Protein backbone atom coordinates (compact mmCIF):
# COMPACT_ATOMS: atom_id res chain seq x y z
CA MET A 1 -1.85 19.74 7.76
CA ARG A 2 0.17 17.38 9.96
CA VAL A 3 3.43 16.00 8.56
CA VAL A 4 5.88 13.33 9.73
CA ILE A 5 9.41 13.44 8.31
CA ALA A 6 11.74 10.43 8.02
CA GLU A 7 15.25 11.36 6.87
CA ASP A 8 18.56 9.96 8.18
CA SER A 9 20.56 13.11 7.42
CA THR A 10 20.26 15.35 10.47
CA LEU A 11 20.91 18.50 8.47
CA LEU A 12 18.27 17.73 5.83
CA ARG A 13 15.78 16.44 8.40
CA GLU A 14 15.97 19.60 10.48
CA GLY A 15 15.97 21.75 7.35
CA LEU A 16 12.80 20.09 6.06
CA ALA A 17 11.11 20.48 9.45
CA ARG A 18 11.92 24.17 9.59
CA LEU A 19 10.93 24.76 5.97
CA LEU A 20 7.57 23.04 6.37
CA THR A 21 6.84 24.74 9.69
CA GLU A 22 7.50 28.15 8.16
CA ALA A 23 5.19 27.19 5.27
CA GLY A 24 2.33 26.57 7.69
CA PHE A 25 2.52 22.80 8.20
CA ALA A 26 2.42 21.13 11.62
CA VAL A 27 5.48 18.87 11.84
CA ALA A 28 4.36 16.17 14.28
CA ALA A 29 7.67 14.27 14.26
CA ALA A 30 11.03 14.14 12.47
CA VAL A 31 12.78 10.77 12.76
CA PRO A 32 15.99 9.21 11.37
CA ASP A 33 14.86 5.70 10.42
CA ALA A 34 12.03 3.53 9.11
CA ASP A 35 11.06 2.14 12.54
CA GLY A 36 10.70 5.65 13.90
CA LEU A 37 8.59 6.57 10.87
CA VAL A 38 6.12 3.74 11.39
CA ALA A 39 5.85 4.53 15.11
CA ALA A 40 5.30 8.23 14.42
CA VAL A 41 2.59 7.61 11.83
CA ASP A 42 0.90 5.15 14.17
CA ARG A 43 0.92 7.75 16.94
CA TYR A 44 0.10 10.97 15.09
CA ARG A 45 -1.83 9.75 12.00
CA PRO A 46 -0.53 12.65 9.85
CA GLU A 47 -1.97 13.72 6.52
CA VAL A 48 1.48 13.29 4.95
CA ALA A 49 4.56 11.17 5.62
CA LEU A 50 7.70 12.55 3.98
CA VAL A 51 10.07 9.63 3.49
CA ASP A 52 13.68 9.30 2.33
CA ILE A 53 14.02 6.09 0.29
CA ARG A 54 17.44 5.14 1.66
CA MET A 55 17.70 4.93 5.44
CA PRO A 56 19.55 2.88 8.10
CA PRO A 57 20.65 0.24 8.63
CA THR A 58 21.62 -0.68 5.05
CA ARG A 59 20.70 2.62 3.36
CA THR A 60 19.22 0.79 0.38
CA ASP A 61 15.42 0.72 0.31
CA GLU A 62 14.29 0.74 3.95
CA GLY A 63 12.36 3.96 3.39
CA LEU A 64 10.59 2.56 0.34
CA ARG A 65 9.61 -0.61 2.19
CA ALA A 66 8.20 1.50 5.03
CA ALA A 67 6.37 3.78 2.57
CA VAL A 68 4.68 0.85 0.82
CA SER A 69 3.72 -0.63 4.19
CA LEU A 70 2.28 2.69 5.37
CA ARG A 71 0.15 3.01 2.24
CA ARG A 72 -1.43 -0.34 3.02
CA ARG A 73 -1.86 0.16 6.77
CA TYR A 74 -2.83 3.86 6.79
CA PRO A 75 -4.53 4.70 3.48
CA ALA A 76 -5.62 8.10 4.84
CA THR A 77 -1.96 9.16 5.17
CA GLY A 78 -0.37 10.43 1.97
CA VAL A 79 3.19 9.28 1.29
CA LEU A 80 5.73 11.50 -0.46
CA VAL A 81 9.11 9.84 -0.98
CA LEU A 82 12.33 11.75 -1.63
CA SER A 83 15.31 10.38 -3.51
CA GLN A 84 18.57 11.57 -5.04
CA TYR A 85 18.01 9.29 -8.02
CA VAL A 86 15.25 8.24 -10.42
CA GLN A 87 14.41 4.60 -9.73
CA VAL A 88 11.56 3.53 -12.00
CA SER A 89 11.04 0.28 -10.08
CA TYR A 90 10.54 2.24 -6.84
CA ALA A 91 7.97 4.55 -8.40
CA ALA A 92 6.14 1.63 -9.98
CA GLU A 93 6.01 -0.18 -6.65
CA LEU A 94 4.46 2.84 -4.97
CA LEU A 95 1.88 3.06 -7.76
CA ASP A 96 0.89 -0.58 -7.27
CA GLU A 97 -1.29 0.64 -4.39
CA GLY A 98 -2.90 3.31 -6.59
CA ALA A 99 -1.98 6.91 -7.29
CA ASP A 100 -4.11 8.61 -4.64
CA GLY A 101 -2.05 10.29 -1.92
CA VAL A 102 1.37 9.37 -3.26
CA GLY A 103 4.36 11.22 -4.63
CA TYR A 104 7.98 10.74 -5.67
CA LEU A 105 10.25 13.78 -5.83
CA LEU A 106 13.96 14.16 -6.40
CA LYS A 107 15.66 15.95 -3.51
CA ASP A 108 16.73 18.75 -5.83
CA ARG A 109 13.05 19.69 -6.07
CA VAL A 110 13.08 20.73 -2.40
CA SER A 111 15.07 23.82 -3.42
CA ASP A 112 11.95 25.18 -5.15
CA LEU A 113 9.96 26.06 -2.03
CA ALA A 114 6.67 26.88 -3.75
CA GLU A 115 6.69 23.74 -5.88
CA PHE A 116 7.75 21.50 -3.00
CA THR A 117 5.13 22.73 -0.52
CA ALA A 118 2.46 22.54 -3.23
CA ALA A 119 3.43 18.88 -3.80
CA VAL A 120 3.19 18.13 -0.06
CA ARG A 121 -0.26 19.72 0.12
CA ARG A 122 -1.43 17.89 -2.99
CA VAL A 123 -0.36 14.50 -1.63
CA GLY A 124 -1.88 15.30 1.77
CA ALA A 125 -5.18 16.11 0.05
CA GLY A 126 -5.22 12.73 -1.70
CA GLY A 127 -3.62 13.78 -4.98
CA SER A 128 -0.33 12.75 -6.56
CA ALA A 129 2.97 14.52 -7.10
CA PHE A 130 5.67 13.01 -9.29
CA ASP A 131 8.90 14.67 -10.30
CA PRO A 132 8.97 15.40 -14.06
CA ALA A 133 12.13 13.32 -14.38
CA VAL A 134 10.40 10.35 -12.73
CA VAL A 135 7.32 10.74 -14.94
CA ALA A 136 9.47 10.92 -18.07
CA ARG A 137 11.20 7.66 -17.14
CA LEU A 138 7.90 5.94 -16.32
CA ILE A 139 6.24 7.01 -19.54
CA GLY A 140 9.40 6.28 -21.54
CA ARG A 141 9.49 2.75 -20.18
CA ARG A 142 6.18 2.03 -21.90
CA ARG A 143 6.96 3.55 -25.30
CA GLY A 144 8.75 0.60 -26.83
CA GLY A 145 5.87 -1.86 -26.54
CA ASP A 146 2.78 0.34 -26.77
CA ASP A 147 1.73 2.55 -29.67
CA ARG A 148 -1.84 3.25 -28.61
CA LEU A 149 -1.05 6.85 -27.72
CA THR A 150 0.49 9.50 -29.93
CA GLU A 151 3.57 11.44 -28.86
CA ARG A 152 1.41 14.44 -27.94
CA GLU A 153 -0.99 12.27 -25.94
CA ARG A 154 1.94 10.80 -24.01
CA ALA A 155 3.12 14.34 -23.24
CA VAL A 156 -0.35 15.21 -21.92
CA LEU A 157 -0.44 11.98 -19.91
CA ALA A 158 2.96 12.74 -18.38
CA LEU A 159 1.71 16.12 -17.19
CA MET A 160 -1.45 14.47 -15.86
CA ALA A 161 0.79 12.23 -13.76
CA GLU A 162 2.43 15.32 -12.29
CA GLY A 163 -1.01 16.40 -11.07
CA ARG A 164 -1.35 19.28 -13.56
CA THR A 165 -4.73 20.76 -14.46
CA ASN A 166 -5.86 21.14 -18.06
CA GLN A 167 -5.02 24.83 -17.87
CA ALA A 168 -1.51 24.08 -16.60
CA ILE A 169 -1.01 21.42 -19.28
CA ALA A 170 -2.11 23.85 -21.97
CA SER A 171 0.33 26.46 -20.69
CA ARG A 172 3.23 23.99 -20.52
CA LEU A 173 2.63 22.61 -24.03
CA HIS A 174 1.68 25.98 -25.54
CA ILE A 175 -1.67 24.74 -26.84
CA ALA A 176 -5.30 25.71 -26.23
CA GLU A 177 -7.10 24.29 -23.20
CA ARG A 178 -9.79 22.92 -25.53
CA THR A 179 -7.04 21.00 -27.36
CA VAL A 180 -5.92 19.50 -24.05
CA GLU A 181 -9.50 18.40 -23.39
CA LYS A 182 -9.60 16.67 -26.78
CA HIS A 183 -6.30 14.90 -26.05
CA CYS A 184 -7.64 13.77 -22.67
CA THR A 185 -10.77 12.38 -24.31
CA GLY A 186 -8.61 10.54 -26.83
CA ILE A 187 -6.44 9.09 -24.07
CA PHE A 188 -9.45 7.88 -22.07
CA THR A 189 -11.02 6.33 -25.17
CA LYS A 190 -7.85 4.51 -26.28
CA LEU A 191 -7.27 3.16 -22.76
CA GLY A 192 -10.87 2.04 -22.41
CA LEU A 193 -11.79 4.32 -19.52
CA SER A 194 -15.47 5.27 -19.52
CA ALA A 195 -16.83 8.07 -17.33
CA SER A 196 -17.76 6.99 -13.79
CA PRO A 197 -18.68 8.99 -10.67
CA HIS A 198 -16.65 6.56 -8.57
CA ASP A 199 -13.32 6.67 -10.43
CA HIS A 200 -10.74 9.34 -11.17
CA ARG A 201 -10.05 8.79 -14.88
CA ARG A 202 -6.90 10.92 -14.94
CA VAL A 203 -5.29 8.73 -12.28
CA LEU A 204 -6.59 5.53 -13.84
CA ALA A 205 -5.26 6.58 -17.24
CA VAL A 206 -1.73 6.92 -15.88
CA LEU A 207 -1.91 3.62 -14.01
CA ARG A 208 -3.42 1.70 -16.91
CA TYR A 209 -0.84 3.02 -19.35
CA LEU A 210 2.11 2.30 -17.06
CA ASN A 211 0.83 -1.18 -16.21
CA GLY A 212 0.26 -1.99 -19.89
């Protein structure tokens, strides 16, 4: 799986490149700014672009702007953004283009090698990977004005957004897998999502709930 890294910190950029290489990824390029990122993706067409949200020249949201642009121009390239902070508006903007092949992780998550590389692979394969802290903020943002889902259903939905399987959700919540299936059915029904061979209802459920 080919990866392009965009991170302005030389130490972190080189560390990520080494970590991913040792984990079996092919690091096609590691660049320090958004312009370099766009050029690298255009040249190498990687499965995943790993992007720091804050990059030169202003170190505000150049990385996010580039990530959103890449999702529109190169839909086959997954985008996984890294940040030191939870910014709900940034995550919501990424999700405006859909939840396929997108992720938002806090940089602290990189310290867990297995979880981090699994997230990169999941995004590269067209899935999603959101940090639990980001998911909690996204779901929490909707609680005040929406009572369609129960507290347990919101917990299941949050774990769906992290890309967890029913088995993983059951393990995390200490409930039976059959119970998770019933909660999923309830979520889909309440959000008006009928079964379709062309749509991924788990992704649509998260998007529909977050977008109200």
